[in-house]
C-alpha atoms as a PDB file:
ATOM      1  CA  UNK A   1       9.035 -99.448 -19.823  1.00  0.00           C
ATOM      2  CA  UNK A   2      10.637 -97.023 -20.798  1.00  0.00           C
ATOM      3  CA  UNK A   3      14.584 -96.699 -20.565  1.00  0.00           C
ATOM      4  CA  UNK A   4      15.816 -95.129 -17.400  1.00  0.00           C
ATOM      5  CA  UNK A   5      19.045 -93.806 -16.019  1.00  0.00           C
ATOM      6  CA  UNK A   6      20.222 -94.563 -12.257  1.00  0.00           C
ATOM      7  CA  UNK A   7      23.437 -93.383 -11.542  1.00  0.00           C
ATOM      8  CA  UNK A   8      25.766 -93.260  -8.400  1.00  0.00           C
ATOM      9  CA  UNK A   9      29.139 -92.139  -7.431  1.00  0.00           C
ATOM     10  CA  UNK A  10      30.604 -93.546  -4.257  1.00  0.00           C
ATOM     11  CA  UNK A  11      33.966 -92.674  -2.972  1.00  0.00           C
ATOM     12  CA  UNK A  12      36.518 -95.702  -2.621  1.00  0.00           C
ATOM     13  CA  UNK A  13      35.610 -96.954   0.715  1.00  0.00           C
ATOM     14  CA  UNK A  14      34.352-100.696   0.949  1.00  0.00           C
ATOM     15  CA  UNK A  15      31.221 -99.943   3.224  1.00  0.00           C
ATOM     16  CA  UNK A  16      29.876 -98.172   0.272  1.00  0.00           C
ATOM     17  CA  UNK A  17      29.150-101.563  -1.315  1.00  0.00           C
ATOM     18  CA  UNK A  18      25.945-101.185   0.734  1.00  0.00           C
ATOM     19  CA  UNK A  19      24.409 -98.113  -1.278  1.00  0.00           C
ATOM     20  CA  UNK A  20      25.237 -99.695  -4.535  1.00  0.00           C
ATOM     21  CA  UNK A  21      23.889-103.422  -3.061  1.00  0.00           C
ATOM     22  CA  UNK A  22      20.746-100.955  -1.831  1.00  0.00           C
ATOM     23  CA  UNK A  23      20.765 -99.846  -5.355  1.00  0.00           C
ATOM     24  CA  UNK A  24      20.313-103.043  -6.891  1.00  0.00           C
ATOM     25  CA  UNK A  25      17.803-104.067  -4.349  1.00  0.00           C
ATOM     26  CA  UNK A  26      15.397-101.029  -5.870  1.00  0.00           C
ATOM     27  CA  UNK A  27      15.976-101.103  -9.200  1.00  0.00           C
ATOM     28  CA  UNK A  28      15.067-105.210  -8.823  1.00  0.00           C
ATOM     29  CA  UNK A  29      11.460-104.048  -7.283  1.00  0.00           C
ATOM     30  CA  UNK A  30      10.793-101.348  -9.207  1.00  0.00           C
ATOM     31  CA  UNK A  31      11.229-102.950 -12.435  1.00  0.00           C
ATOM     32  CA  UNK A  32       9.792-106.256 -11.161  1.00  0.00           C
ATOM     33  CA  UNK A  33      12.982-108.150 -12.093  1.00  0.00           C
ATOM     34  CA  UNK A  34      12.862-111.599 -11.019  1.00  0.00           C
ATOM     35  CA  UNK A  35      14.771-112.633  -7.975  1.00  0.00           C
ATOM     36  CA  UNK A  36      16.879-114.952  -9.871  1.00  0.00           C
ATOM     37  CA  UNK A  37      18.173-112.210 -12.687  1.00  0.00           C
ATOM     38  CA  UNK A  38      18.510-109.458  -9.337  1.00  0.00           C
ATOM     39  CA  UNK A  39      20.562-112.034  -7.565  1.00  0.00           C
ATOM     40  CA  UNK A  40      23.022-112.279 -10.490  1.00  0.00           C
ATOM     41  CA  UNK A  41      23.086-108.781 -11.360  1.00  0.00           C
ATOM     42  CA  UNK A  42      23.719-107.943  -7.960  1.00  0.00           C
ATOM     43  CA  UNK A  43      26.944-110.548  -6.915  1.00  0.00           C
ATOM     44  CA  UNK A  44      27.962-109.225 -10.723  1.00  0.00           C
ATOM     45  CA  UNK A  45      27.811-105.646 -10.142  1.00  0.00           C
ATOM     46  CA  UNK A  46      29.196-105.659  -6.340  1.00  0.00           C
ATOM     47  CA  UNK A  47      32.243-107.694  -7.726  1.00  0.00           C
ATOM     48  CA  UNK A  48      32.587-105.208 -10.529  1.00  0.00           C
ATOM     49  CA  UNK A  49      32.846-102.555  -8.029  1.00  0.00           C
ATOM     50  CA  UNK A  50      34.682-104.210  -5.454  1.00  0.00           C
ATOM     51  CA  UNK A  51      37.569-105.004  -7.646  1.00  0.00           C
ATOM     52  CA  UNK A  52      37.507-100.838  -8.993  1.00  0.00           C
ATOM     53  CA  UNK A  53      37.632 -99.789  -5.179  1.00  0.00           C
ATOM     54  CA  UNK A  54      40.029-102.446  -4.073  1.00  0.00           C
ATOM     55  CA  UNK A  55      41.972-102.996  -7.324  1.00  0.00           C
ATOM     56  CA  UNK A  56      41.304 -99.793  -9.221  1.00  0.00           C
ATOM     57  CA  UNK A  57      41.617 -97.151  -6.554  1.00  0.00           C
ATOM     58  CA  UNK A  58      43.011 -98.738  -4.290  1.00  0.00           C
ATOM     59  CA  UNK A  59      41.215 -98.084  -1.604  1.00  0.00           C
ATOM     60  CA  UNK A  60      41.879 -94.185  -1.829  1.00  0.00           C
ATOM     61  CA  UNK A  61      39.138 -92.144  -1.149  1.00  0.00           C
ATOM     62  CA  UNK A  62      39.913 -89.754  -2.917  1.00  0.00           C
ATOM     63  CA  UNK A  63      39.116 -91.280  -5.741  1.00  0.00           C
ATOM     64  CA  UNK A  64      35.221 -92.641  -6.843  1.00  0.00           C
ATOM     65  CA  UNK A  65      33.772 -95.375  -8.848  1.00  0.00           C
ATOM     66  CA  UNK A  66      31.101 -94.339 -10.989  1.00  0.00           C
ATOM     67  CA  UNK A  67      27.904 -96.736 -11.232  1.00  0.00           C
ATOM     68  CA  UNK A  68      25.631 -96.071 -14.268  1.00  0.00           C
ATOM     69  CA  UNK A  69      22.499 -98.424 -14.527  1.00  0.00           C
ATOM     70  CA  UNK A  70      20.572 -98.383 -17.980  1.00  0.00           C
ATOM     71  CA  UNK A  71      16.869-100.377 -17.170  1.00  0.00           C
ATOM     72  CA  UNK A  72      14.898-100.710 -20.896  1.00  0.00           C
ATOM     73  CA  UNK A  73      12.299-103.702 -21.315  1.00  0.00           C
ATOM     74  CA  UNK A  74      15.169-105.990 -22.694  1.00  0.00           C
ATOM     75  CA  UNK A  75      18.028-105.456 -20.407  1.00  0.00           C
ATOM     76  CA  UNK A  76      19.976-103.880 -18.306  1.00  0.00           C
ATOM     77  CA  UNK A  77      23.285-102.691 -18.677  1.00  0.00           C
ATOM     78  CA  UNK A  78      25.787-100.990 -15.914  1.00  0.00           C
ATOM     79  CA  UNK A  79      28.877 -99.270 -16.389  1.00  0.00           C
ATOM     80  CA  UNK A  80      31.410 -99.495 -13.178  1.00  0.00           C
ATOM     81  CA  UNK A  81      34.132 -96.855 -14.117  1.00  0.00           C
ATOM     82  CA  UNK A  82      36.936 -96.418 -11.353  1.00  0.00           C
ATOM     83  CA  UNK A  83      40.249 -93.277 -11.533  1.00  0.00           C
ATOM     84  CA  UNK A  84      42.732 -95.820 -11.244  1.00  0.00           C
ATOM     85  CA  UNK A  85      45.751 -97.100 -13.618  1.00  0.00           C
ATOM     86  CA  UNK A  86      43.385 -99.783 -15.223  1.00  0.00           C
ATOM     87  CA  UNK A  87      44.700-103.838 -15.735  1.00  0.00           C
ATOM     88  CA  UNK A  88      45.197-105.612 -18.829  1.00  0.00           C
ATOM     89  CA  UNK A  89      41.813-107.887 -18.612  1.00  0.00           C
ATOM     90  CA  UNK A  90      42.991-110.443 -21.260  1.00  0.00           C
ATOM     91  CA  UNK A  91      46.006-110.787 -19.083  1.00  0.00           C
ATOM     92  CA  UNK A  92      43.677-112.280 -15.770  1.00  0.00           C
ATOM     93  CA  UNK A  93      44.494-115.527 -14.680  1.00  0.00           C
ATOM     94  CA  UNK A  94      42.130-118.378 -14.606  1.00  0.00           C
ATOM     95  CA  UNK A  95      40.996-119.530 -11.468  1.00  0.00           C
ATOM     96  CA  UNK A  96      39.704-123.143 -12.885  1.00  0.00           C
ATOM     97  CA  UNK A  97      43.093-124.387 -13.617  1.00  0.00           C
ATOM     98  CA  UNK A  98      45.007-126.799 -11.291  1.00  0.00           C
ATOM     99  CA  UNK A  99      47.372-123.924 -10.046  1.00  0.00           C
ATOM    100  CA  UNK A 100      44.524-121.214  -9.136  1.00  0.00           C
ATOM    101  CA  UNK A 101      41.753-123.433  -7.845  1.00  0.00           C
ATOM    102  CA  UNK A 102      42.731-122.993  -3.906  1.00  0.00           C
ATOM    103  CA  UNK A 103      43.338-119.503  -4.358  1.00  0.00           C
ATOM    104  CA  UNK A 104      41.564-117.169  -2.197  1.00  0.00           C
ATOM    105  CA  UNK A 105      41.399-114.699  -4.945  1.00  0.00           C
ATOM    106  CA  UNK A 106      41.431-113.652  -8.595  1.00  0.00           C
ATOM    107  CA  UNK A 107      37.691-115.171  -9.373  1.00  0.00           C
ATOM    108  CA  UNK A 108      35.956-111.667  -9.546  1.00  0.00           C
ATOM    109  CA  UNK A 109      36.431-111.237 -14.083  1.00  0.00           C
ATOM    110  CA  UNK A 110      35.352-114.952 -13.754  1.00  0.00           C
ATOM    111  CA  UNK A 111      32.265-114.835 -12.024  1.00  0.00           C
ATOM    112  CA  UNK A 112      31.238-111.489 -13.866  1.00  0.00           C
ATOM    113  CA  UNK A 113      32.204-112.863 -16.978  1.00  0.00           C
ATOM    114  CA  UNK A 114      29.804-116.350 -16.209  1.00  0.00           C
ATOM    115  CA  UNK A 115      26.897-114.027 -14.843  1.00  0.00           C
ATOM    116  CA  UNK A 116      26.497-111.067 -17.145  1.00  0.00           C
ATOM    117  CA  UNK A 117      24.897-111.859 -20.830  1.00  0.00           C
ATOM    118  CA  UNK A 118      28.449-109.656 -21.832  1.00  0.00           C
ATOM    119  CA  UNK A 119      31.340-107.950 -20.550  1.00  0.00           C
ATOM    120  CA  UNK A 120      32.828-105.548 -22.284  1.00  0.00           C
ATOM    121  CA  UNK A 121      36.421-103.482 -21.171  1.00  0.00           C
ATOM    122  CA  UNK A 122      37.505-100.403 -21.987  1.00  0.00           C
ATOM    123  CA  UNK A 123      39.564 -97.310 -20.734  1.00  0.00           C
ATOM    124  CA  UNK A 124      42.570 -99.483 -20.367  1.00  0.00           C
ATOM    125  CA  UNK A 125      40.383-101.367 -17.989  1.00  0.00           C
ATOM    126  CA  UNK A 126      39.177 -98.676 -16.329  1.00  0.00           C
ATOM    127  CA  UNK A 127      35.515 -98.977 -17.397  1.00  0.00           C
ATOM    128  CA  UNK A 128      33.545-102.111 -17.331  1.00  0.00           C
ATOM    129  CA  UNK A 129      30.226-102.607 -18.789  1.00  0.00           C
ATOM    130  CA  UNK A 130      27.777-105.681 -17.907  1.00  0.00           C
ATOM    131  CA  UNK A 131      24.631-106.233 -19.867  1.00  0.00           C
ATOM    132  CA  UNK A 132      22.181-108.877 -18.313  1.00  0.00           C
ATOM    133  CA  UNK A 133      19.399-109.686 -20.586  1.00  0.00           C
ATOM    134  CA  UNK A 134      15.538-109.763 -19.207  1.00  0.00           C
END
């Protein structure tokens, strides 16, 4: 399988998550990605895009979120970029600590780190790259 790139740019509105979900489904089908791997990719990427829309761009529909997939024989990488102010990804509270366990939010970065094989932030937290080994 040759490397292939797929790019999607969406306004910062939550209903655009469905487009991202559809793209992941289409990529999974086209590249015959296992259902287990597809589910991990979908959960992590949707969480990252949700964070970009809600926390990064603060639901400002004039700002976009860009999702760039690169598919190769061995892995899928996904870069999600927002146009917000960024965040300190090193200071995200651990949702497994007793004081955070009952909170209804704050698990996205934790999930992304556990679902992807690697996660790397850049541009002061405005860009996140996740790699999923196939």
